[in-house]
C-alpha atoms as a PDB file:
ATOM      1  CA  MET A   1      15.739  18.551  -7.707  1.00  0.00           C
ATOM      2  CA  VAL A   2      15.627  14.787  -7.346  1.00  0.00           C
ATOM      3  CA  LYS A   3      16.036  13.493  -3.810  1.00  0.00           C
ATOM      4  CA  PHE A   4      16.999   9.881  -3.166  1.00  0.00           C
ATOM      5  CA  LEU A   5      15.935   8.374   0.157  1.00  0.00           C
ATOM      6  CA  PRO A   6      16.062   4.957   1.746  1.00  0.00           C
ATOM      7  CA  LEU A   7      12.697   3.260   1.265  1.00  0.00           C
ATOM      8  CA  ARG A   8      11.999   3.450   5.021  1.00  0.00           C
ATOM      9  CA  ASP A   9      12.353   7.244   4.944  1.00  0.00           C
ATOM     10  CA  ALA A  10      10.471   7.712   1.668  1.00  0.00           C
ATOM     11  CA  VAL A  11       7.445   5.794   2.963  1.00  0.00           C
ATOM     12  CA  GLY A  12       7.608   7.417   6.411  1.00  0.00           C
ATOM     13  CA  GLN A  13       7.769  10.950   5.007  1.00  0.00           C
ATOM     14  CA  ASN A  14       5.077  10.528   2.351  1.00  0.00           C
ATOM     15  CA  LEU A  15       2.429   8.245   3.871  1.00  0.00           C
ATOM     16  CA  HIS A  16       0.355   9.179   6.904  1.00  0.00           C
ATOM     17  CA  ASP A  17      -2.472   7.638   8.897  1.00  0.00           C
ATOM     18  CA  GLY A  18      -5.790   8.320   7.153  1.00  0.00           C
ATOM     19  CA  ASP A  19      -4.262   8.793   3.673  1.00  0.00           C
ATOM     20  CA  THR A  20      -5.643   7.402   0.436  1.00  0.00           C
ATOM     21  CA  VAL A  21      -3.006   5.280  -1.270  1.00  0.00           C
ATOM     22  CA  ALA A  22      -2.616   3.111  -4.368  1.00  0.00           C
ATOM     23  CA  PHE A  23       0.294   0.661  -4.538  1.00  0.00           C
ATOM     24  CA  GLU A  24      -0.160  -0.035  -8.260  1.00  0.00           C
ATOM     25  CA  GLY A  25       1.514  -2.303 -10.775  1.00  0.00           C
ATOM     26  CA  PHE A  26       1.042  -5.704 -12.354  1.00  0.00           C
ATOM     27  CA  THR A  27       3.090  -8.875 -11.865  1.00  0.00           C
ATOM     28  CA  HIS A  28       6.749  -7.930 -11.388  1.00  0.00           C
ATOM     29  CA  LEU A  29       5.890  -4.206 -11.148  1.00  0.00           C
ATOM     30  CA  ILE A  30       3.823  -4.442  -7.938  1.00  0.00           C
ATOM     31  CA  PRO A  31       5.681  -2.277  -5.353  1.00  0.00           C
ATOM     32  CA  THR A  32       5.846  -5.068  -2.784  1.00  0.00           C
ATOM     33  CA  ALA A  33       8.797  -3.618  -0.864  1.00  0.00           C
ATOM     34  CA  ALA A  34       7.040  -0.256  -0.427  1.00  0.00           C
ATOM     35  CA  ALA A  35       3.832  -1.932   0.749  1.00  0.00           C
ATOM     36  CA  HIS A  36       5.766  -4.118   3.182  1.00  0.00           C
ATOM     37  CA  GLU A  37       7.522  -1.024   4.516  1.00  0.00           C
ATOM     38  CA  ALA A  38       4.123   0.603   5.103  1.00  0.00           C
ATOM     39  CA  ILE A  39       3.075  -2.553   6.981  1.00  0.00           C
ATOM     40  CA  ARG A  40       6.267  -2.437   9.081  1.00  0.00           C
ATOM     41  CA  GLN A  41       5.617   1.192   9.973  1.00  0.00           C
ATOM     42  CA  GLY A  42       2.072   0.312  11.076  1.00  0.00           C
ATOM     43  CA  PHE A  43      -0.033   2.924   9.295  1.00  0.00           C
ATOM     44  CA  ARG A  44      -3.762   2.927  10.118  1.00  0.00           C
ATOM     45  CA  ASP A  45      -7.081   4.105   8.692  1.00  0.00           C
ATOM     46  CA  LEU A  46      -5.886   4.005   5.085  1.00  0.00           C
ATOM     47  CA  THR A  47      -8.145   4.036   2.063  1.00  0.00           C
ATOM     48  CA  LEU A  48      -6.560   1.425  -0.220  1.00  0.00           C
ATOM     49  CA  ILE A  49      -7.149   1.773  -3.961  1.00  0.00           C
ATOM     50  CA  ARG A  50      -6.229  -1.053  -6.325  1.00  0.00           C
ATOM     51  CA  MET A  51      -7.208  -2.020  -9.847  1.00  0.00           C
ATOM     52  CA  THR A  52      -7.197  -5.718  -8.967  1.00  0.00           C
ATOM     53  CA  PRO A  53      -6.697  -7.512  -5.651  1.00  0.00           C
ATOM     54  CA  ASP A  54      -3.358  -9.007  -4.768  1.00  0.00           C
ATOM     55  CA  LEU A  55      -1.409 -10.406  -1.857  1.00  0.00           C
ATOM     56  CA  ILE A  56      -0.052  -7.114  -0.513  1.00  0.00           C
ATOM     57  CA  TYR A  57      -3.554  -5.723  -0.066  1.00  0.00           C
ATOM     58  CA  ASP A  58      -4.635  -8.933   1.666  1.00  0.00           C
ATOM     59  CA  GLN A  59      -1.701  -8.446   4.031  1.00  0.00           C
ATOM     60  CA  MET A  60      -2.493  -4.776   4.660  1.00  0.00           C
ATOM     61  CA  ILE A  61      -6.146  -5.551   5.386  1.00  0.00           C
ATOM     62  CA  GLY A  62      -5.121  -8.419   7.663  1.00  0.00           C
ATOM     63  CA  MET A  63      -2.830  -6.091   9.623  1.00  0.00           C
ATOM     64  CA  GLY A  64      -5.752  -3.729  10.266  1.00  0.00           C
ATOM     65  CA  MET A  65      -4.434  -0.907   8.102  1.00  0.00           C
ATOM     66  CA  ALA A  66      -7.528  -0.385   5.930  1.00  0.00           C
ATOM     67  CA  ARG A  67     -10.417   1.909   6.779  1.00  0.00           C
ATOM     68  CA  LYS A  68     -11.835   1.544   3.264  1.00  0.00           C
ATOM     69  CA  ILE A  69     -10.933  -0.390   0.121  1.00  0.00           C
ATOM     70  CA  VAL A  70     -11.699   0.605  -3.468  1.00  0.00           C
ATOM     71  CA  PHE A  71     -11.281  -1.986  -6.232  1.00  0.00           C
ATOM     72  CA  SER A  72     -12.263  -2.065  -9.883  1.00  0.00           C
ATOM     73  CA  TYR A  73     -12.562  -5.864  -9.641  1.00  0.00           C
ATOM     74  CA  VAL A  74     -12.942  -8.270  -6.752  1.00  0.00           C
ATOM     75  CA  GLY A  75     -12.482 -11.975  -7.268  1.00  0.00           C
ATOM     76  CA  ASN A  76     -10.187 -14.819  -6.445  1.00  0.00           C
ATOM     77  CA  PRO A  77      -7.134 -14.447  -8.651  1.00  0.00           C
END
């Protein structure tokens, strides 16, 4: 059964402190709203996985959410 939730509830019910998470997508497909909701909810100690760096991961690291980061490429896009 498919369950539709407000983004706030979907993030809050499925992401927890200490989780490993990948907010993946390129250009217009980056899930910016979901990442910003995770920032608003203040999760901590996350392992962030990303194919390439982008602004939302910079924001999450800056907010102290990352315990570890895993990238396939690091550079200055």
